[in-house]
Amino acid sequence: MLPTLQPGDWLLVRSATDMLPRPGELVVIRHPRVPDTLLVKRVRSRGAFTFSVGSDNPLEANDSRHFGPVASRALIGQVVGCWRASPGSL
């Protein structure tokens, strides 16, 4: 499967305040092992206080298969919009 996002795309992100994302939604999270790094991932499943994320391109993935479930406190927000970068604008 091709990635949903391309380098240079701009995202509109709704801040996560006391929300747990639903499966299928794109979210921005803090990497569980490298907290200074932000990741954009698709929610695969959720529990009471954690959720699992996956990549749309599993061959290029760094997701819950590698770092396990994500704590809800690592959630930055839900992606609600995406604007494509113009070719040659990078």
C-alpha atoms as a PDB file:
ATOM      1  CA  MET A   1       0.000   0.000   0.000  1.00  0.00           C
ATOM      2  CA  LEU A   2       1.287   3.487  -0.805  1.00  0.00           C
ATOM      3  CA  PRO A   3       1.834   5.966   2.018  1.00  0.00           C
ATOM      4  CA  THR A   4      -1.037   8.386   2.665  1.00  0.00           C
ATOM      5  CA  LEU A   5       1.358  11.282   3.225  1.00  0.00           C
ATOM      6  CA  GLN A   6       4.228  12.525   1.096  1.00  0.00           C
ATOM      7  CA  PRO A   7       7.268  14.580   2.151  1.00  0.00           C
ATOM      8  CA  GLY A   8       6.309  18.244   2.298  1.00  0.00           C
ATOM      9  CA  ASP A   9       2.592  17.674   2.959  1.00  0.00           C
ATOM     10  CA  TRP A  10       1.037  20.056   5.485  1.00  0.00           C
ATOM     11  CA  LEU A  11      -1.266  18.669   8.179  1.00  0.00           C
ATOM     12  CA  LEU A  12      -4.072  20.238  10.163  1.00  0.00           C
ATOM     13  CA  VAL A  13      -4.129  18.554  13.577  1.00  0.00           C
ATOM     14  CA  ARG A  14      -6.858  18.849  16.202  1.00  0.00           C
ATOM     15  CA  SER A  15      -5.324  18.899  19.665  1.00  0.00           C
ATOM     16  CA  ALA A  16      -6.008  15.838  21.773  1.00  0.00           C
ATOM     17  CA  THR A  17      -7.618  16.781  25.041  1.00  0.00           C
ATOM     18  CA  ASP A  18      -8.928  13.747  26.876  1.00  0.00           C
ATOM     19  CA  MET A  19      -9.677  11.797  23.702  1.00  0.00           C
ATOM     20  CA  LEU A  20      -8.797   8.317  22.579  1.00  0.00           C
ATOM     21  CA  PRO A  21      -8.647   7.927  18.815  1.00  0.00           C
ATOM     22  CA  ARG A  22     -10.768   5.441  16.900  1.00  0.00           C
ATOM     23  CA  PRO A  23      -9.323   2.739  14.646  1.00  0.00           C
ATOM     24  CA  GLY A  24      -8.657   4.055  11.157  1.00  0.00           C
ATOM     25  CA  GLU A  25      -7.914   7.630  12.224  1.00  0.00           C
ATOM     26  CA  LEU A  26      -4.590   9.322  11.494  1.00  0.00           C
ATOM     27  CA  VAL A  27      -2.911  10.683  14.607  1.00  0.00           C
ATOM     28  CA  VAL A  28       0.223  12.506  15.649  1.00  0.00           C
ATOM     29  CA  ILE A  29       2.019  10.864  18.568  1.00  0.00           C
ATOM     30  CA  ARG A  30       5.284  11.211  20.450  1.00  0.00           C
ATOM     31  CA  HIS A  31       7.546   8.282  19.652  1.00  0.00           C
ATOM     32  CA  PRO A  32       7.391   6.060  22.771  1.00  0.00           C
ATOM     33  CA  ARG A  33      11.164   5.502  22.791  1.00  0.00           C
ATOM     34  CA  VAL A  34      12.309   8.884  21.424  1.00  0.00           C
ATOM     35  CA  PRO A  35       9.918  11.476  22.944  1.00  0.00           C
ATOM     36  CA  ASP A  36      11.413  14.388  20.967  1.00  0.00           C
ATOM     37  CA  THR A  37      10.301  12.691  17.733  1.00  0.00           C
ATOM     38  CA  LEU A  38       6.758  13.049  16.398  1.00  0.00           C
ATOM     39  CA  LEU A  39       5.144  10.334  14.267  1.00  0.00           C
ATOM     40  CA  VAL A  40       2.037  10.365  12.080  1.00  0.00           C
ATOM     41  CA  LYS A  41       0.391   6.942  12.190  1.00  0.00           C
ATOM     42  CA  ARG A  42      -2.950   5.222  11.633  1.00  0.00           C
ATOM     43  CA  VAL A  43      -4.715   3.806  14.690  1.00  0.00           C
ATOM     44  CA  ARG A  44      -5.154   0.030  14.349  1.00  0.00           C
ATOM     45  CA  SER A  45      -6.835  -0.797  17.674  1.00  0.00           C
ATOM     46  CA  ARG A  46      -7.396   0.692  21.082  1.00  0.00           C
ATOM     47  CA  GLY A  47      -7.742  -0.370  24.657  1.00  0.00           C
ATOM     48  CA  ALA A  48      -8.833   1.534  27.756  1.00  0.00           C
ATOM     49  CA  PHE A  49      -5.715   3.733  28.065  1.00  0.00           C
ATOM     50  CA  THR A  50      -3.546   2.628  25.138  1.00  0.00           C
ATOM     51  CA  PHE A  51      -3.821   2.161  21.420  1.00  0.00           C
ATOM     52  CA  SER A  52      -1.846   0.456  18.664  1.00  0.00           C
ATOM     53  CA  VAL A  53      -0.693   2.314  15.581  1.00  0.00           C
ATOM     54  CA  GLY A  54       0.400   1.087  12.188  1.00  0.00           C
ATOM     55  CA  SER A  55       1.897   2.481   9.045  1.00  0.00           C
ATOM     56  CA  ASP A  56       0.126   2.660   5.689  1.00  0.00           C
ATOM     57  CA  ASN A  57       3.377   1.403   4.172  1.00  0.00           C
ATOM     58  CA  PRO A  58       4.363  -1.506   6.453  1.00  0.00           C
ATOM     59  CA  LEU A  59       7.661  -2.122   4.665  1.00  0.00           C
ATOM     60  CA  GLU A  60       8.861   1.332   5.750  1.00  0.00           C
ATOM     61  CA  ALA A  61       7.262   1.186   9.171  1.00  0.00           C
ATOM     62  CA  ASN A  62       8.191   2.201  12.664  1.00  0.00           C
ATOM     63  CA  ASP A  63       4.997   1.415  14.530  1.00  0.00           C
ATOM     64  CA  SER A  64       3.423  -0.614  17.349  1.00  0.00           C
ATOM     65  CA  ARG A  65       4.919  -3.801  15.912  1.00  0.00           C
ATOM     66  CA  HIS A  66       8.282  -2.352  16.935  1.00  0.00           C
ATOM     67  CA  PHE A  67       7.523  -0.335  20.079  1.00  0.00           C
ATOM     68  CA  GLY A  68       4.257  -1.850  21.356  1.00  0.00           C
ATOM     69  CA  PRO A  69       1.048  -0.087  22.393  1.00  0.00           C
ATOM     70  CA  VAL A  70       1.102   3.698  22.750  1.00  0.00           C
ATOM     71  CA  ALA A  71      -0.027   5.323  25.996  1.00  0.00           C
ATOM     72  CA  SER A  72      -2.797   7.895  25.599  1.00  0.00           C
ATOM     73  CA  ARG A  73      -0.495  10.566  27.095  1.00  0.00           C
ATOM     74  CA  ALA A  74       1.715  10.257  23.973  1.00  0.00           C
ATOM     75  CA  LEU A  75      -1.154  11.431  21.741  1.00  0.00           C
ATOM     76  CA  ILE A  76      -0.645  14.951  20.338  1.00  0.00           C
ATOM     77  CA  GLY A  77      -3.752  15.079  18.172  1.00  0.00           C
ATOM     78  CA  GLN A  78      -5.895  13.782  15.325  1.00  0.00           C
ATOM     79  CA  VAL A  79      -5.133  14.657  11.704  1.00  0.00           C
ATOM     80  CA  VAL A  80      -8.210  16.393  10.273  1.00  0.00           C
ATOM     81  CA  GLY A  81      -6.774  17.797   7.036  1.00  0.00           C
ATOM     82  CA  CYS A  82      -3.887  17.419   4.616  1.00  0.00           C
ATOM     83  CA  TRP A  83      -2.569  19.751   1.918  1.00  0.00           C
ATOM     84  CA  ARG A  84      -0.321  18.307  -0.773  1.00  0.00           C
ATOM     85  CA  ALA A  85       3.029  19.886  -1.451  1.00  0.00           C
ATOM     86  CA  SER A  86       3.408  21.275  -4.949  1.00  0.00           C
ATOM     87  CA  PRO A  87       5.923  19.374  -7.104  1.00  0.00           C
ATOM     88  CA  GLY A  88       9.315  21.032  -6.873  1.00  0.00           C
ATOM     89  CA  SER A  89       8.354  23.119  -3.825  1.00  0.00           C
ATOM     90  CA  LEU A  90      10.712  21.314  -1.448  1.00  0.00           C
END
